[in-house]
Amino acid sequence: MSVVHIGHIDQIPKGEGRNFDVAGRPIAVFRGHDDKVYATQAVCPHKGGPLADGLIGGSTLLCPLHEHGFDMLTGAALSGDCALTVYSVEVSGEGALMLDPHPHQA
């Protein structure tokens, strides 16, 4: 797996998401209240909502425009049929966010 350093975990408050530019592509990265991190495409495939502004709970993401739910682990839609592109992201021992820029879908 080829990973790139995109930032530091402290850039994302717990329970929120932030957009990062990865090779000219915006990717939304989320930090759960349990410090787990998730990465998805930045724009909702359903209505174009800014996913980094969505609500998260566990590995579930709700779009801020229409509350369409997604599983951030798989990208699967919790209702409807439009899935998210998701990315593997990890936090190093020093807090660096390391993302695999190759997407995978449900």
PDB file of N, CA and C in Angstrom:
ATOM      1  N   MET A   1       0.849  -1.179   0.000  1.00  0.00           N
ATOM      2  CA  MET A   1       0.000   0.000   0.000  1.00  0.00           C
ATOM      3  C   MET A   1       0.889   1.235   0.000  1.00  0.00           C
ATOM      4  N   SER A   2       0.651   2.138  -0.936  1.00  0.00           N
ATOM      5  CA  SER A   2       1.375   3.400  -1.021  1.00  0.00           C
ATOM      6  C   SER A   2       0.581   4.458  -0.263  1.00  0.00           C
ATOM      7  N   VAL A   3       1.169   5.023   0.767  1.00  0.00           N
ATOM      8  CA  VAL A   3       0.451   6.014   1.573  1.00  0.00           C
ATOM      9  C   VAL A   3       1.135   7.369   1.478  1.00  0.00           C
ATOM     10  N   VAL A   4       0.335   8.424   1.694  1.00  0.00           N
ATOM     11  CA  VAL A   4       0.856   9.783   1.693  1.00  0.00           C
ATOM     12  C   VAL A   4       0.479  10.465   2.996  1.00  0.00           C
ATOM     13  N   HIS A   5       1.363  11.322   3.459  1.00  0.00           N
ATOM     14  CA  HIS A   5       1.101  12.120   4.655  1.00  0.00           C
ATOM     15  C   HIS A   5       0.227  13.291   4.236  1.00  0.00           C
ATOM     16  N   ILE A   6      -0.939  13.444   4.870  1.00  0.00           N
ATOM     17  CA  ILE A   6      -1.858  14.513   4.477  1.00  0.00           C
ATOM     18  C   ILE A   6      -2.038  15.585   5.551  1.00  0.00           C
ATOM     19  N   GLY A   7      -1.585  15.336   6.757  1.00  0.00           N
ATOM     20  CA  GLY A   7      -1.761  16.304   7.833  1.00  0.00           C
ATOM     21  C   GLY A   7      -1.554  15.639   9.176  1.00  0.00           C
ATOM     22  N   HIS A   8      -2.075  16.283  10.217  1.00  0.00           N
ATOM     23  CA  HIS A   8      -1.926  15.795  11.584  1.00  0.00           C
ATOM     24  C   HIS A   8      -3.305  15.608  12.207  1.00  0.00           C
ATOM     25  N   ILE A   9      -3.443  14.608  13.044  1.00  0.00           N
ATOM     26  CA  ILE A   9      -4.722  14.301  13.688  1.00  0.00           C
ATOM     27  C   ILE A   9      -5.292  15.506  14.443  1.00  0.00           C
ATOM     28  N   ASP A  10      -4.418  16.378  14.971  1.00  0.00           N
ATOM     29  CA  ASP A  10      -4.892  17.542  15.718  1.00  0.00           C
ATOM     30  C   ASP A  10      -5.606  18.569  14.845  1.00  0.00           C
ATOM     31  N   GLN A  11      -5.536  18.431  13.525  1.00  0.00           N
ATOM     32  CA  GLN A  11      -6.247  19.330  12.618  1.00  0.00           C
ATOM     33  C   GLN A  11      -7.745  19.036  12.595  1.00  0.00           C
ATOM     34  N   ILE A  12      -8.130  17.875  13.130  1.00  0.00           N
ATOM     35  CA  ILE A  12      -9.540  17.471  13.105  1.00  0.00           C
ATOM     36  C   ILE A  12     -10.035  17.309  14.538  1.00  0.00           C
ATOM     37  N   PRO A  13     -10.944  18.164  14.987  1.00  0.00           N
ATOM     38  CA  PRO A  13     -11.514  17.977  16.329  1.00  0.00           C
ATOM     39  C   PRO A  13     -12.292  16.657  16.407  1.00  0.00           C
ATOM     40  N   LYS A  14     -12.348  16.061  17.578  1.00  0.00           N
ATOM     41  CA  LYS A  14     -13.110  14.825  17.762  1.00  0.00           C
ATOM     42  C   LYS A  14     -14.564  15.039  17.365  1.00  0.00           C
ATOM     43  N   GLY A  15     -15.097  14.065  16.641  1.00  0.00           N
ATOM     44  CA  GLY A  15     -16.487  14.124  16.213  1.00  0.00           C
ATOM     45  C   GLY A  15     -16.729  14.971  14.983  1.00  0.00           C
ATOM     46  N   GLU A  16     -15.656  15.383  14.285  1.00  0.00           N
ATOM     47  CA  GLU A  16     -15.810  16.252  13.114  1.00  0.00           C
ATOM     48  C   GLU A  16     -15.007  15.725  11.932  1.00  0.00           C
ATOM     49  N   GLY A  17     -15.189  16.389  10.803  1.00  0.00           N
ATOM     50  CA  GLY A  17     -14.459  16.066   9.589  1.00  0.00           C
ATOM     51  C   GLY A  17     -13.811  17.307   9.013  1.00  0.00           C
ATOM     52  N   ARG A  18     -12.793  17.095   8.193  1.00  0.00           N
ATOM     53  CA  ARG A  18     -12.105  18.178   7.494  1.00  0.00           C
ATOM     54  C   ARG A  18     -11.736  17.673   6.106  1.00  0.00           C
ATOM     55  N   ASN A  19     -11.715  18.593   5.142  1.00  0.00           N
ATOM     56  CA  ASN A  19     -11.285  18.252   3.794  1.00  0.00           C
ATOM     57  C   ASN A  19      -9.780  18.422   3.663  1.00  0.00           C
ATOM     58  N   PHE A  20      -9.153  17.511   2.943  1.00  0.00           N
ATOM     59  CA  PHE A  20      -7.735  17.564   2.633  1.00  0.00           C
ATOM     60  C   PHE A  20      -7.580  17.404   1.123  1.00  0.00           C
ATOM     61  N   ASP A  21      -6.651  18.134   0.543  1.00  0.00           N
ATOM     62  CA  ASP A  21      -6.356  18.010  -0.877  1.00  0.00           C
ATOM     63  C   ASP A  21      -5.313  16.908  -1.039  1.00  0.00           C
ATOM     64  N   VAL A  22      -5.670  15.871  -1.767  1.00  0.00           N
ATOM     65  CA  VAL A  22      -4.763  14.748  -2.004  1.00  0.00           C
ATOM     66  C   VAL A  22      -4.621  14.590  -3.521  1.00  0.00           C
ATOM     67  N   ALA A  23      -3.474  14.973  -4.031  1.00  0.00           N
ATOM     68  CA  ALA A  23      -3.199  14.892  -5.473  1.00  0.00           C
ATOM     69  C   ALA A  23      -4.268  15.613  -6.287  1.00  0.00           C
ATOM     70  N   GLY A  24      -4.666  16.809  -5.824  1.00  0.00           N
ATOM     71  CA  GLY A  24      -5.649  17.611  -6.532  1.00  0.00           C
ATOM     72  C   GLY A  24      -7.088  17.168  -6.349  1.00  0.00           C
ATOM     73  N   ARG A  25      -7.322  16.239  -5.432  1.00  0.00           N
ATOM     74  CA  ARG A  25      -8.667  15.711  -5.197  1.00  0.00           C
ATOM     75  C   ARG A  25      -9.039  15.952  -3.739  1.00  0.00           C
ATOM     76  N   PRO A  26     -10.204  16.577  -3.480  1.00  0.00           N
ATOM     77  CA  PRO A  26     -10.607  16.764  -2.083  1.00  0.00           C
ATOM     78  C   PRO A  26     -11.078  15.447  -1.472  1.00  0.00           C
ATOM     79  N   ILE A  27     -10.583  15.152  -0.273  1.00  0.00           N
ATOM     80  CA  ILE A  27     -10.985  13.964   0.468  1.00  0.00           C
ATOM     81  C   ILE A  27     -11.375  14.406   1.872  1.00  0.00           C
ATOM     82  N   ALA A  28     -12.536  13.943   2.333  1.00  0.00           N
ATOM     83  CA  ALA A  28     -13.004  14.266   3.679  1.00  0.00           C
ATOM     84  C   ALA A  28     -12.448  13.229   4.651  1.00  0.00           C
ATOM     85  N   VAL A  29     -11.815  13.712   5.722  1.00  0.00           N
ATOM     86  CA  VAL A  29     -11.265  12.826   6.744  1.00  0.00           C
ATOM     87  C   VAL A  29     -11.974  13.147   8.056  1.00  0.00           C
ATOM     88  N   PHE A  30     -12.436  12.112   8.740  1.00  0.00           N
ATOM     89  CA  PHE A  30     -13.229  12.246   9.954  1.00  0.00           C
ATOM     90  C   PHE A  30     -12.493  11.639  11.133  1.00  0.00           C
ATOM     91  N   ARG A  31     -12.681  12.263  12.294  1.00  0.00           N
ATOM     92  CA  ARG A  31     -12.112  11.755  13.550  1.00  0.00           C
ATOM     93  C   ARG A  31     -13.263  11.492  14.512  1.00  0.00           C
ATOM     94  N   GLY A  32     -13.455  10.238  14.843  1.00  0.00           N
ATOM     95  CA  GLY A  32     -14.523   9.886  15.768  1.00  0.00           C
ATOM     96  C   GLY A  32     -14.201  10.308  17.192  1.00  0.00           C
ATOM     97  N   HIS A  33     -15.197  10.258  18.045  1.00  0.00           N
ATOM     98  CA  HIS A  33     -14.993  10.583  19.464  1.00  0.00           C
ATOM     99  C   HIS A  33     -14.053   9.576  20.128  1.00  0.00           C
ATOM    100  N   ASP A  34     -13.900   8.406  19.497  1.00  0.00           N
ATOM    101  CA  ASP A  34     -12.995   7.374  19.997  1.00  0.00           C
ATOM    102  C   ASP A  34     -11.615   7.444  19.336  1.00  0.00           C
ATOM    103  N   ASP A  35     -11.353   8.522  18.578  1.00  0.00           N
ATOM    104  CA  ASP A  35     -10.100   8.773  17.848  1.00  0.00           C
ATOM    105  C   ASP A  35      -9.895   7.881  16.630  1.00  0.00           C
ATOM    106  N   LYS A  36     -10.872   7.064  16.246  1.00  0.00           N
ATOM    107  CA  LYS A  36     -10.759   6.323  14.984  1.00  0.00           C
ATOM    108  C   LYS A  36     -10.912   7.316  13.839  1.00  0.00           C
ATOM    109  N   VAL A  37     -10.205   7.076  12.743  1.00  0.00           N
ATOM    110  CA  VAL A  37     -10.275   7.974  11.598  1.00  0.00           C
ATOM    111  C   VAL A  37     -10.830   7.241  10.382  1.00  0.00           C
ATOM    112  N   TYR A  38     -11.520   8.003   9.549  1.00  0.00           N
ATOM    113  CA  TYR A  38     -12.164   7.487   8.340  1.00  0.00           C
ATOM    114  C   TYR A  38     -11.936   8.505   7.236  1.00  0.00           C
ATOM    115  N   ALA A  39     -11.907   8.047   5.987  1.00  0.00           N
ATOM    116  CA  ALA A  39     -11.741   8.961   4.858  1.00  0.00           C
ATOM    117  C   ALA A  39     -12.707   8.569   3.745  1.00  0.00           C
ATOM    118  N   THR A  40     -13.377   9.574   3.184  1.00  0.00           N
ATOM    119  CA  THR A  40     -14.342   9.356   2.105  1.00  0.00           C
ATOM    120  C   THR A  40     -14.176  10.454   1.056  1.00  0.00           C
ATOM    121  N   GLN A  41     -14.890  10.281  -0.036  1.00  0.00           N
ATOM    122  CA  GLN A  41     -14.963  11.372  -0.999  1.00  0.00           C
ATOM    123  C   GLN A  41     -15.536  12.587  -0.280  1.00  0.00           C
ATOM    124  N   ALA A  42     -15.240  13.787  -0.774  1.00  0.00           N
ATOM    125  CA  ALA A  42     -15.636  15.003  -0.065  1.00  0.00           C
ATOM    126  C   ALA A  42     -17.064  15.449  -0.338  1.00  0.00           C
ATOM    127  N   VAL A  43     -17.645  15.008  -1.458  1.00  0.00           N
ATOM    128  CA  VAL A  43     -18.970  15.476  -1.863  1.00  0.00           C
ATOM    129  C   VAL A  43     -19.948  14.304  -1.894  1.00  0.00           C
ATOM    130  N   CYS A  44     -21.111  14.516  -1.341  1.00  0.00           N
ATOM    131  CA  CYS A  44     -22.141  13.477  -1.324  1.00  0.00           C
ATOM    132  C   CYS A  44     -22.566  13.124  -2.748  1.00  0.00           C
ATOM    133  N   PRO A  45     -22.623  11.834  -3.087  1.00  0.00           N
ATOM    134  CA  PRO A  45     -23.029  11.440  -4.433  1.00  0.00           C
ATOM    135  C   PRO A  45     -24.523  11.621  -4.688  1.00  0.00           C
ATOM    136  N   HIS A  46     -25.283  11.852  -3.640  1.00  0.00           N
ATOM    137  CA  HIS A  46     -26.737  11.967  -3.772  1.00  0.00           C
ATOM    138  C   HIS A  46     -27.157  13.372  -4.160  1.00  0.00           C
ATOM    139  N   LYS A  47     -26.728  14.377  -3.390  1.00  0.00           N
ATOM    140  CA  LYS A  47     -27.140  15.755  -3.673  1.00  0.00           C
ATOM    141  C   LYS A  47     -25.989  16.752  -3.613  1.00  0.00           C
ATOM    142  N   GLY A  48     -24.763  16.266  -3.573  1.00  0.00           N
ATOM    143  CA  GLY A  48     -23.618  17.167  -3.622  1.00  0.00           C
ATOM    144  C   GLY A  48     -23.284  17.871  -2.325  1.00  0.00           C
ATOM    145  N   GLY A  49     -23.783  17.381  -1.212  1.00  0.00           N
ATOM    146  CA  GLY A  49     -23.511  18.016   0.079  1.00  0.00           C
ATOM    147  C   GLY A  49     -22.054  17.883   0.498  1.00  0.00           C
ATOM    148  N   PRO A  50     -21.563  18.858   1.292  1.00  0.00           N
ATOM    149  CA  PRO A  50     -20.182  18.816   1.786  1.00  0.00           C
ATOM    150  C   PRO A  50     -20.074  17.823   2.948  1.00  0.00           C
ATOM    151  N   LEU A  51     -19.578  16.635   2.677  1.00  0.00           N
ATOM    152  CA  LEU A  51     -19.600  15.566   3.671  1.00  0.00           C
ATOM    153  C   LEU A  51     -18.788  15.873   4.924  1.00  0.00           C
ATOM    154  N   ALA A  52     -17.731  16.664   4.832  1.00  0.00           N
ATOM    155  CA  ALA A  52     -16.934  16.994   6.018  1.00  0.00           C
ATOM    156  C   ALA A  52     -17.770  17.740   7.057  1.00  0.00           C
ATOM    157  N   ASP A  53     -18.881  18.335   6.633  1.00  0.00           N
ATOM    158  CA  ASP A  53     -19.782  19.040   7.549  1.00  0.00           C
ATOM    159  C   ASP A  53     -20.866  18.124   8.109  1.00  0.00           C
ATOM    160  N   GLY A  54     -20.848  16.851   7.724  1.00  0.00           N
ATOM    161  CA  GLY A  54     -21.873  15.919   8.165  1.00  0.00           C
ATOM    162  C   GLY A  54     -21.705  15.495   9.612  1.00  0.00           C
ATOM    163  N   LEU A  55     -22.706  14.800  10.113  1.00  0.00           N
ATOM    164  CA  LEU A  55     -22.683  14.278  11.478  1.00  0.00           C
ATOM    165  C   LEU A  55     -22.156  12.853  11.455  1.00  0.00           C
ATOM    166  N   ILE A  56     -21.301  12.529  12.443  1.00  0.00           N
ATOM    167  CA  ILE A  56     -20.790  11.171  12.527  1.00  0.00           C
ATOM    168  C   ILE A  56     -21.128  10.557  13.872  1.00  0.00           C
ATOM    169  N   GLY A  57     -21.327   9.258  13.840  1.00  0.00           N
ATOM    170  CA  GLY A  57     -21.574   8.476  15.043  1.00  0.00           C
ATOM    171  C   GLY A  57     -21.045   7.079  14.780  1.00  0.00           C
ATOM    172  N   GLY A  58     -20.015   6.683  15.487  1.00  0.00           N
ATOM    173  CA  GLY A  58     -19.362   5.412  15.172  1.00  0.00           C
ATOM    174  C   GLY A  58     -18.790   5.512  13.779  1.00  0.00           C
ATOM    175  N   SER A  59     -19.132   4.553  12.928  1.00  0.00           N
ATOM    176  CA  SER A  59     -18.655   4.603  11.548  1.00  0.00           C
ATOM    177  C   SER A  59     -19.742   5.069  10.586  1.00  0.00           C
ATOM    178  N   THR A  60     -20.792   5.695  11.115  1.00  0.00           N
ATOM    179  CA  THR A  60     -21.886   6.200  10.288  1.00  0.00           C
ATOM    180  C   THR A  60     -21.724   7.696  10.047  1.00  0.00           C
ATOM    181  N   LEU A  61     -21.934   8.101   8.801  1.00  0.00           N
ATOM    182  CA  LEU A  61     -21.874   9.505   8.392  1.00  0.00           C
ATOM    183  C   LEU A  61     -23.224   9.905   7.833  1.00  0.00           C
ATOM    184  N   LEU A  62     -23.754  11.043   8.276  1.00  0.00           N
ATOM    185  CA  LEU A  62     -24.997  11.596   7.735  1.00  0.00           C
ATOM    186  C   LEU A  62     -24.675  12.861   6.960  1.00  0.00           C
ATOM    187  N   CYS A  63     -25.111  12.912   5.702  1.00  0.00           N
ATOM    188  CA  CYS A  63     -24.902  14.097   4.872  1.00  0.00           C
ATOM    189  C   CYS A  63     -25.605  15.292   5.512  1.00  0.00           C
ATOM    190  N   PRO A  64     -24.970  16.475   5.538  1.00  0.00           N
ATOM    191  CA  PRO A  64     -25.591  17.633   6.168  1.00  0.00           C
ATOM    192  C   PRO A  64     -26.768  18.214   5.383  1.00  0.00           C
ATOM    193  N   LEU A  65     -26.901  17.873   4.107  1.00  0.00           N
ATOM    194  CA  LEU A  65     -27.998  18.434   3.314  1.00  0.00           C
ATOM    195  C   LEU A  65     -29.302  17.660   3.439  1.00  0.00           C
ATOM    196  N   HIS A  66     -29.217  16.339   3.515  1.00  0.00           N
ATOM    197  CA  HIS A  66     -30.442  15.552   3.455  1.00  0.00           C
ATOM    198  C   HIS A  66     -30.435  14.338   4.378  1.00  0.00           C
ATOM    199  N   GLU A  67     -29.431  14.247   5.247  1.00  0.00           N
ATOM    200  CA  GLU A  67     -29.324  13.182   6.238  1.00  0.00           C
ATOM    201  C   GLU A  67     -29.293  11.788   5.624  1.00  0.00           C
ATOM    202  N   HIS A  68     -28.788  11.680   4.406  1.00  0.00           N
ATOM    203  CA  HIS A  68     -28.571  10.370   3.786  1.00  0.00           C
ATOM    204  C   HIS A  68     -27.408   9.724   4.517  1.00  0.00           C
ATOM    205  N   GLY A  69     -27.565   8.489   4.987  1.00  0.00           N
ATOM    206  CA  GLY A  69     -26.548   7.840   5.796  1.00  0.00           C
ATOM    207  C   GLY A  69     -25.623   6.936   5.000  1.00  0.00           C
ATOM    208  N   PHE A  70     -24.357   6.893   5.449  1.00  0.00           N
ATOM    209  CA  PHE A  70     -23.343   6.050   4.818  1.00  0.00           C
ATOM    210  C   PHE A  70     -22.502   5.356   5.881  1.00  0.00           C
ATOM    211  N   ASP A  71     -22.019   4.183   5.557  1.00  0.00           N
ATOM    212  CA  ASP A  71     -21.055   3.481   6.397  1.00  0.00           C
ATOM    213  C   ASP A  71     -19.668   3.910   5.922  1.00  0.00           C
ATOM    214  N   MET A  72     -18.895   4.566   6.786  1.00  0.00           N
ATOM    215  CA  MET A  72     -17.583   5.074   6.383  1.00  0.00           C
ATOM    216  C   MET A  72     -16.534   3.979   6.247  1.00  0.00           C
ATOM    217  N   LEU A  73     -16.812   2.781   6.750  1.00  0.00           N
ATOM    218  CA  LEU A  73     -15.873   1.665   6.578  1.00  0.00           C
ATOM    219  C   LEU A  73     -15.956   1.067   5.175  1.00  0.00           C
ATOM    220  N   THR A  74     -17.168   0.960   4.656  1.00  0.00           N
ATOM    221  CA  THR A  74     -17.375   0.298   3.368  1.00  0.00           C
ATOM    222  C   THR A  74     -17.812   1.251   2.262  1.00  0.00           C
ATOM    223  N   GLY A  75     -18.360   2.403   2.625  1.00  0.00           N
ATOM    224  CA  GLY A  75     -18.916   3.325   1.652  1.00  0.00           C
ATOM    225  C   GLY A  75     -20.371   3.038   1.334  1.00  0.00           C
ATOM    226  N   ALA A  76     -20.920   1.942   1.832  1.00  0.00           N
ATOM    227  CA  ALA A  76     -22.292   1.551   1.517  1.00  0.00           C
ATOM    228  C   ALA A  76     -23.299   2.575   2.031  1.00  0.00           C
ATOM    229  N   ALA A  77     -24.315   2.825   1.210  1.00  0.00           N
ATOM    230  CA  ALA A  77     -25.413   3.692   1.616  1.00  0.00           C
ATOM    231  C   ALA A  77     -26.285   2.934   2.603  1.00  0.00           C
ATOM    232  N   LEU A  78     -26.743   3.612   3.653  1.00  0.00           N
ATOM    233  CA  LEU A  78     -27.617   2.975   4.637  1.00  0.00           C
ATOM    234  C   LEU A  78     -29.067   3.018   4.193  1.00  0.00           C
ATOM    235  N   SER A  79     -29.346   3.888   3.231  1.00  0.00           N
ATOM    236  CA  SER A  79     -30.649   3.923   2.573  1.00  0.00           C
ATOM    237  C   SER A  79     -30.399   4.463   1.172  1.00  0.00           C
ATOM    238  N   GLY A  80     -31.068   3.946   0.205  1.00  0.00           N
ATOM    239  CA  GLY A  80     -30.811   4.372  -1.163  1.00  0.00           C
ATOM    240  C   GLY A  80     -29.733   3.517  -1.804  1.00  0.00           C
ATOM    241  N   ASP A  81     -29.256   3.977  -2.949  1.00  0.00           N
ATOM    242  CA  ASP A  81     -28.341   3.131  -3.701  1.00  0.00           C
ATOM    243  C   ASP A  81     -27.030   3.810  -4.110  1.00  0.00           C
ATOM    244  N   CYS A  82     -26.757   5.007  -3.667  1.00  0.00           N
ATOM    245  CA  CYS A  82     -25.509   5.660  -4.069  1.00  0.00           C
ATOM    246  C   CYS A  82     -24.454   5.479  -2.973  1.00  0.00           C
ATOM    247  N   ALA A  83     -23.397   4.777  -3.302  1.00  0.00           N
ATOM    248  CA  ALA A  83     -22.336   4.496  -2.342  1.00  0.00           C
ATOM    249  C   ALA A  83     -21.265   5.581  -2.385  1.00  0.00           C
ATOM    250  N   LEU A  84     -20.489   5.640  -1.312  1.00  0.00           N
ATOM    251  CA  LEU A  84     -19.349   6.561  -1.233  1.00  0.00           C
ATOM    252  C   LEU A  84     -18.072   5.856  -1.645  1.00  0.00           C
ATOM    253  N   THR A  85     -17.150   6.630  -2.157  1.00  0.00           N
ATOM    254  CA  THR A  85     -15.788   6.153  -2.324  1.00  0.00           C
ATOM    255  C   THR A  85     -15.098   6.348  -0.983  1.00  0.00           C
ATOM    256  N   VAL A  86     -14.444   5.316  -0.501  1.00  0.00           N
ATOM    257  CA  VAL A  86     -13.747   5.397   0.784  1.00  0.00           C
ATOM    258  C   VAL A  86     -12.260   5.118   0.580  1.00  0.00           C
ATOM    259  N   TYR A  87     -11.468   5.581   1.539  1.00  0.00           N
ATOM    260  CA  TYR A  87     -10.017   5.453   1.485  1.00  0.00           C
ATOM    261  C   TYR A  87      -9.520   4.895   2.814  1.00  0.00           C
ATOM    262  N   SER A  88      -8.415   4.195   2.768  1.00  0.00           N
ATOM    263  CA  SER A  88      -7.780   3.727   3.995  1.00  0.00           C
ATOM    264  C   SER A  88      -6.950   4.872   4.564  1.00  0.00           C
ATOM    265  N   VAL A  89      -7.118   5.126   5.859  1.00  0.00           N
ATOM    266  CA  VAL A  89      -6.353   6.173   6.534  1.00  0.00           C
ATOM    267  C   VAL A  89      -5.982   5.671   7.921  1.00  0.00           C
ATOM    268  N   GLU A  90      -4.764   6.007   8.337  1.00  0.00           N
ATOM    269  CA  GLU A  90      -4.279   5.613   9.653  1.00  0.00           C
ATOM    270  C   GLU A  90      -3.569   6.792  10.296  1.00  0.00           C
ATOM    271  N   VAL A  91      -3.391   6.699  11.611  1.00  0.00           N
ATOM    272  CA  VAL A  91      -2.666   7.719  12.359  1.00  0.00           C
ATOM    273  C   VAL A  91      -1.368   7.086  12.844  1.00  0.00           C
ATOM    274  N   SER A  92      -0.247   7.738  12.523  1.00  0.00           N
ATOM    275  CA  SER A  92       1.053   7.223  12.979  1.00  0.00           C
ATOM    276  C   SER A  92       1.220   7.494  14.469  1.00  0.00           C
ATOM    277  N   GLY A  93       2.269   6.947  15.061  1.00  0.00           N
ATOM    278  CA  GLY A  93       2.560   7.164  16.475  1.00  0.00           C
ATOM    279  C   GLY A  93       2.780   8.620  16.819  1.00  0.00           C
ATOM    280  N   GLU A  94       3.180   9.416  15.830  1.00  0.00           N
ATOM    281  CA  GLU A  94       3.403  10.856  16.044  1.00  0.00           C
ATOM    282  C   GLU A  94       2.171  11.692  15.700  1.00  0.00           C
ATOM    283  N   GLY A  95       1.076  11.024  15.325  1.00  0.00           N
ATOM    284  CA  GLY A  95      -0.163  11.735  15.014  1.00  0.00           C
ATOM    285  C   GLY A  95      -0.323  12.121  13.562  1.00  0.00           C
ATOM    286  N   ALA A  96       0.588  11.682  12.692  1.00  0.00           N
ATOM    287  CA  ALA A  96       0.478  11.997  11.267  1.00  0.00           C
ATOM    288  C   ALA A  96      -0.655  11.183  10.642  1.00  0.00           C
ATOM    289  N   LEU A  97      -1.455  11.831   9.807  1.00  0.00           N
ATOM    290  CA  LEU A  97      -2.511  11.158   9.055  1.00  0.00           C
ATOM    291  C   LEU A  97      -1.890  10.596   7.781  1.00  0.00           C
ATOM    292  N   MET A  98      -1.960   9.280   7.625  1.00  0.00           N
ATOM    293  CA  MET A  98      -1.365   8.598   6.477  1.00  0.00           C
ATOM    294  C   MET A  98      -2.502   7.950   5.671  1.00  0.00           C
ATOM    295  N   LEU A  99      -2.683   8.404   4.424  1.00  0.00           N
ATOM    296  CA  LEU A  99      -3.809   7.989   3.609  1.00  0.00           C
ATOM    297  C   LEU A  99      -3.327   7.243   2.357  1.00  0.00           C
ATOM    298  N   ASP A 100      -4.010   6.156   2.047  1.00  0.00           N
ATOM    299  CA  ASP A 100      -3.784   5.471   0.782  1.00  0.00           C
ATOM    300  C   ASP A 100      -4.671   6.178  -0.258  1.00  0.00           C
ATOM    301  N   PRO A 101      -4.075   6.841  -1.263  1.00  0.00           N
ATOM    302  CA  PRO A 101      -4.872   7.615  -2.209  1.00  0.00           C
ATOM    303  C   PRO A 101      -5.637   6.780  -3.228  1.00  0.00           C
ATOM    304  N   HIS A 102      -5.514   5.463  -3.154  1.00  0.00           N
ATOM    305  CA  HIS A 102      -6.249   4.591  -4.075  1.00  0.00           C
ATOM    306  C   HIS A 102      -7.589   4.220  -3.444  1.00  0.00           C
ATOM    307  N   PRO A 103      -8.684   4.708  -4.032  1.00  0.00           N
ATOM    308  CA  PRO A 103     -10.015   4.467  -3.434  1.00  0.00           C
ATOM    309  C   PRO A 103     -10.496   3.037  -3.621  1.00  0.00           C
ATOM    310  N   HIS A 104     -11.460   2.688  -2.775  1.00  0.00           N
ATOM    311  CA  HIS A 104     -12.186   1.441  -2.949  1.00  0.00           C
ATOM    312  C   HIS A 104     -13.642   1.723  -2.643  1.00  0.00           C
ATOM    313  N   GLN A 105     -14.563   0.979  -3.277  1.00  0.00           N
ATOM    314  CA  GLN A 105     -15.994   1.198  -3.078  1.00  0.00           C
ATOM    315  C   GLN A 105     -16.666  -0.067  -2.575  1.00  0.00           C
ATOM    316  N   ALA A 106     -17.843   0.145  -1.984  1.00  0.00           N
ATOM    317  CA  ALA A 106     -18.646  -0.989  -1.501  1.00  0.00           C
ATOM    318  C   ALA A 106     -19.146  -1.797  -2.668  1.00  0.00           C
TER     319      ALA A 106
END
